[in-house]
């Protein structure tokens, strides 16, 4: 009788362990970076990984689009790419500089990049106010 109870207990324990492995999801690899981390990091090196974990492409823009900070990206002109920002959204830590900035060849040879409007760090946001790199 004791061997039979031990056998049943072992089988139940193994079934519970197997069920736990099936029910518990694997750990996630989240790595969405705040823009502040890129501005205020001490060493100046690139943020790695570059953003959301799509290892086949640099996808940092996806999180900025999801918040609405980037309203749209206009590829309609083959000589110019325009990124339209909305610094008025609650999640924004930036303010409009009041004008657009054109970066010649900023999207590649012969393709200008336009930041519309140019956004700059909000000096009233605590992380920017206390960031040594912005002083």
Protein backbone atom coordinates (compact mmCIF):
# COMPACT_ATOMS: atom_id res chain seq x y z
CA UNK A 1 0.00 0.00 0.00
CA UNK A 2 2.76 2.49 0.84
CA UNK A 3 4.54 1.91 -2.49
CA UNK A 4 1.29 2.42 -4.33
CA UNK A 5 0.63 5.73 -2.50
CA UNK A 6 4.17 6.92 -3.25
CA UNK A 7 3.69 6.01 -6.91
CA UNK A 8 0.37 7.87 -7.09
CA UNK A 9 1.86 10.89 -5.28
CA UNK A 10 4.81 10.91 -7.70
CA UNK A 11 2.49 10.77 -10.71
CA UNK A 12 0.33 13.59 -9.30
CA UNK A 13 3.42 15.71 -8.61
CA UNK A 14 4.75 15.12 -12.14
CA UNK A 15 1.34 16.03 -13.59
CA UNK A 16 1.26 19.25 -11.57
CA UNK A 17 4.76 20.21 -12.73
CA UNK A 18 3.84 19.48 -16.35
CA UNK A 19 0.63 21.51 -16.02
CA UNK A 20 2.55 24.44 -14.50
CA UNK A 21 4.91 24.45 -17.48
CA UNK A 22 1.97 24.51 -19.85
CA UNK A 23 0.03 27.19 -17.98
CA UNK A 24 2.83 29.63 -17.05
CA UNK A 25 3.85 31.75 -20.06
CA UNK A 26 7.53 32.13 -20.87
CA UNK A 27 9.18 35.33 -19.72
CA UNK A 28 8.86 38.27 -22.10
CA UNK A 29 11.77 40.23 -23.48
CA UNK A 30 10.47 43.78 -23.27
CA UNK A 31 12.89 46.49 -24.25
CA UNK A 32 10.95 49.58 -25.24
CA UNK A 33 13.25 52.47 -24.40
CA UNK A 34 12.12 55.88 -23.32
CA UNK A 35 13.62 58.67 -25.36
CA UNK A 36 14.86 60.12 -22.08
CA UNK A 37 17.11 57.14 -21.53
CA UNK A 38 18.79 57.81 -24.86
CA UNK A 39 19.28 61.49 -24.09
CA UNK A 40 20.45 61.15 -20.51
CA UNK A 41 22.60 58.04 -20.52
CA UNK A 42 26.08 58.80 -19.28
CA UNK A 43 28.26 56.91 -21.77
CA UNK A 44 26.81 58.19 -25.03
CA UNK A 45 26.72 54.72 -26.61
CA UNK A 46 23.78 53.52 -28.67
CA UNK A 47 20.87 51.96 -26.80
CA UNK A 48 20.94 48.19 -27.36
CA UNK A 49 18.62 46.55 -28.26
CA UNK A 50 17.26 49.37 -30.40
CA UNK A 51 13.69 49.16 -29.09
CA UNK A 52 10.86 46.68 -29.35
CA UNK A 53 12.37 43.24 -29.83
CA UNK A 54 12.07 42.71 -33.56
CA UNK A 55 15.54 41.40 -34.17
CA UNK A 56 15.15 41.53 -37.95
CA UNK A 57 14.65 45.31 -38.01
CA UNK A 58 15.13 48.43 -35.94
CA UNK A 59 11.64 49.11 -34.65
CA UNK A 60 12.03 51.90 -32.12
CA UNK A 61 9.52 54.03 -34.07
CA UNK A 62 6.74 51.53 -33.39
CA UNK A 63 6.40 52.57 -29.75
CA UNK A 64 6.43 56.26 -30.68
CA UNK A 65 3.68 55.66 -33.23
CA UNK A 66 1.64 53.61 -30.76
CA UNK A 67 1.55 56.50 -28.26
CA UNK A 68 0.54 58.97 -30.98
CA UNK A 69 3.73 61.03 -30.56
CA UNK A 70 4.46 60.26 -34.20
CA UNK A 71 1.18 61.00 -35.98
CA UNK A 72 2.34 59.82 -39.39
CA UNK A 73 5.30 59.24 -41.66
CA UNK A 74 4.80 60.56 -45.18
CA UNK A 75 6.69 58.69 -47.92
CA UNK A 76 4.66 60.18 -50.81
CA UNK A 77 7.54 62.33 -52.14
CA UNK A 78 10.49 60.18 -53.33
CA UNK A 79 12.91 62.99 -52.46
CA UNK A 80 11.57 63.70 -48.97
CA UNK A 81 10.30 61.75 -45.95
CA UNK A 82 8.26 63.75 -43.43
CA UNK A 83 7.80 62.60 -39.84
CA UNK A 84 4.79 64.38 -38.31
CA UNK A 85 5.00 64.73 -34.52
CA UNK A 86 2.28 65.59 -32.00
CA UNK A 87 4.03 66.97 -28.92
CA UNK A 88 0.65 67.83 -27.34
CA UNK A 89 -0.19 64.23 -26.39
CA UNK A 90 -0.07 63.49 -22.64
CA UNK A 91 2.79 60.98 -23.02
CA UNK A 92 5.02 63.55 -24.75
CA UNK A 93 8.03 64.82 -22.89
CA UNK A 94 8.85 67.25 -25.70
CA UNK A 95 7.57 70.57 -26.99
CA UNK A 96 7.42 72.03 -30.48
CA UNK A 97 10.30 74.29 -31.49
CA UNK A 98 7.77 76.15 -33.67
CA UNK A 99 9.25 75.18 -37.04
CA UNK A 100 10.08 72.19 -39.22
CA UNK A 101 13.65 70.94 -39.56
CA UNK A 102 14.89 69.55 -42.87
CA UNK A 103 17.94 67.28 -42.74
CA UNK A 104 19.47 67.01 -46.23
CA UNK A 105 20.06 63.35 -47.18
CA UNK A 106 18.79 62.42 -43.68
CA UNK A 107 16.86 59.42 -44.97
CA UNK A 108 19.56 58.35 -47.40
CA UNK A 109 21.37 59.75 -50.43
CA UNK A 110 19.06 62.14 -52.27
CA UNK A 111 16.23 61.78 -49.73
CA UNK A 112 15.76 64.57 -47.20
CA UNK A 113 14.26 63.94 -43.76
CA UNK A 114 11.78 66.51 -42.42
CA UNK A 115 10.87 66.63 -38.72
CA UNK A 116 7.50 68.40 -38.54
CA UNK A 117 7.56 70.16 -36.20
CA UNK A 118 11.02 69.91 -34.72
CA UNK A 119 10.52 68.73 -31.13
CA UNK A 120 12.86 69.65 -28.30
CA UNK A 121 13.08 68.43 -24.67
CA UNK A 122 10.47 69.99 -22.38
CA UNK A 123 12.49 71.80 -19.69
CA UNK A 124 9.57 71.42 -17.24
CA UNK A 125 9.64 67.61 -17.44
CA UNK A 126 11.56 66.40 -14.34
CA UNK A 127 13.77 63.89 -16.16
CA UNK A 128 14.86 66.58 -18.64
CA UNK A 129 15.29 69.19 -15.93
CA UNK A 130 17.66 66.86 -14.08
CA UNK A 131 19.49 65.42 -17.10
CA UNK A 132 23.19 66.35 -17.10
CA UNK A 133 23.41 65.94 -20.90
CA UNK A 134 20.79 68.67 -21.40
CA UNK A 135 22.44 71.29 -19.18
